[in-house]
């Protein structure tokens, strides 16, 4: 029996919003995502504080998150919704 279904595993990566590092310790990834950074996250982004006449750009932190996702796919030589063969 030849395999008809050859699902592809995809990794989806995303970053949380950039916030002051001191506030980033408790930041969670969206539902279904796993946090792959620790502590306050990675200080690799900028956030903005607006005053009446000025905007300050400050170094902030964000967490990196990932999610494994299976994309249904038929094996070679099969097609359609139920991956029928030749």
Protein backbone atom coordinates (compact mmCIF):
# COMPACT_ATOMS: atom_id res chain seq x y z
CA UNK A 1 0.00 0.00 0.00
CA UNK A 2 1.51 3.29 -1.13
CA UNK A 3 1.16 6.32 1.08
CA UNK A 4 -1.25 8.88 -0.39
CA UNK A 5 -1.00 11.70 2.14
CA UNK A 6 2.38 13.46 2.60
CA UNK A 7 1.59 16.40 4.87
CA UNK A 8 4.19 19.15 5.08
CA UNK A 9 5.28 20.50 8.46
CA UNK A 10 5.55 24.28 8.49
CA UNK A 11 7.06 26.45 11.20
CA UNK A 12 5.39 29.80 11.60
CA UNK A 13 7.46 32.39 13.46
CA UNK A 14 6.31 35.73 14.81
CA UNK A 15 7.41 38.40 17.26
CA UNK A 16 5.42 40.01 20.04
CA UNK A 17 4.84 43.76 20.19
CA UNK A 18 7.85 45.91 21.09
CA UNK A 19 7.54 47.17 24.69
CA UNK A 20 9.91 48.45 27.39
CA UNK A 21 12.15 45.53 28.40
CA UNK A 22 11.14 45.86 32.06
CA UNK A 23 7.51 45.19 31.07
CA UNK A 24 8.24 42.31 28.71
CA UNK A 25 8.87 39.58 31.31
CA UNK A 26 5.19 38.62 31.49
CA UNK A 27 4.43 38.96 27.76
CA UNK A 28 2.82 35.83 26.34
CA UNK A 29 2.74 34.54 22.80
CA UNK A 30 -0.64 34.27 21.05
CA UNK A 31 -2.66 31.10 21.68
CA UNK A 32 -1.09 28.07 20.00
CA UNK A 33 2.39 29.63 19.79
CA UNK A 34 5.40 28.63 21.90
CA UNK A 35 7.75 31.27 23.31
CA UNK A 36 11.32 30.56 22.15
CA UNK A 37 12.96 33.46 24.01
CA UNK A 38 13.46 33.79 27.76
CA UNK A 39 13.32 36.47 30.42
CA UNK A 40 12.66 39.92 29.02
CA UNK A 41 13.11 38.73 25.44
CA UNK A 42 15.43 40.21 22.84
CA UNK A 43 16.30 43.94 22.86
CA UNK A 44 16.10 44.30 19.07
CA UNK A 45 13.26 46.73 18.44
CA UNK A 46 12.14 50.29 19.08
CA UNK A 47 8.97 51.64 20.62
CA UNK A 48 7.78 55.22 20.69
CA UNK A 49 6.69 57.56 23.47
CA UNK A 50 4.71 60.56 22.32
CA UNK A 51 4.72 63.86 24.16
CA UNK A 52 2.85 66.98 23.14
CA UNK A 53 5.48 68.14 20.67
CA UNK A 54 8.06 65.34 20.57
CA UNK A 55 8.21 61.62 19.90
CA UNK A 56 10.93 59.61 21.64
CA UNK A 57 12.23 56.42 20.05
CA UNK A 58 13.46 53.98 22.73
CA UNK A 59 15.09 50.56 22.65
CA UNK A 60 12.58 47.87 23.60
CA UNK A 61 12.28 44.11 23.86
CA UNK A 62 10.13 41.53 22.16
CA UNK A 63 9.69 37.79 22.38
CA UNK A 64 10.00 35.41 19.47
CA UNK A 65 7.26 32.80 19.14
CA UNK A 66 6.75 29.79 16.90
CA UNK A 67 3.99 27.41 15.95
CA UNK A 68 4.21 24.10 14.14
CA UNK A 69 1.55 23.70 11.52
CA UNK A 70 0.78 20.71 9.29
CA UNK A 71 -0.27 21.55 5.78
CA UNK A 72 -2.21 18.69 4.17
CA UNK A 73 -0.57 17.61 0.94
CA UNK A 74 -0.85 14.60 -1.34
CA UNK A 75 2.19 12.45 -2.13
CA UNK A 76 3.56 12.51 -5.67
CA UNK A 77 1.19 10.86 -8.15
CA UNK A 78 -1.89 11.55 -5.99
CA UNK A 79 -4.29 14.48 -6.09
CA UNK A 80 -7.66 15.80 -5.00
CA UNK A 81 -9.29 16.17 -1.60
CA UNK A 82 -8.79 12.50 -0.70
CA UNK A 83 -5.45 12.08 -2.54
CA UNK A 84 -6.66 9.53 -5.07
CA UNK A 85 -4.04 7.78 -7.21
CA UNK A 86 -3.78 7.17 -10.95
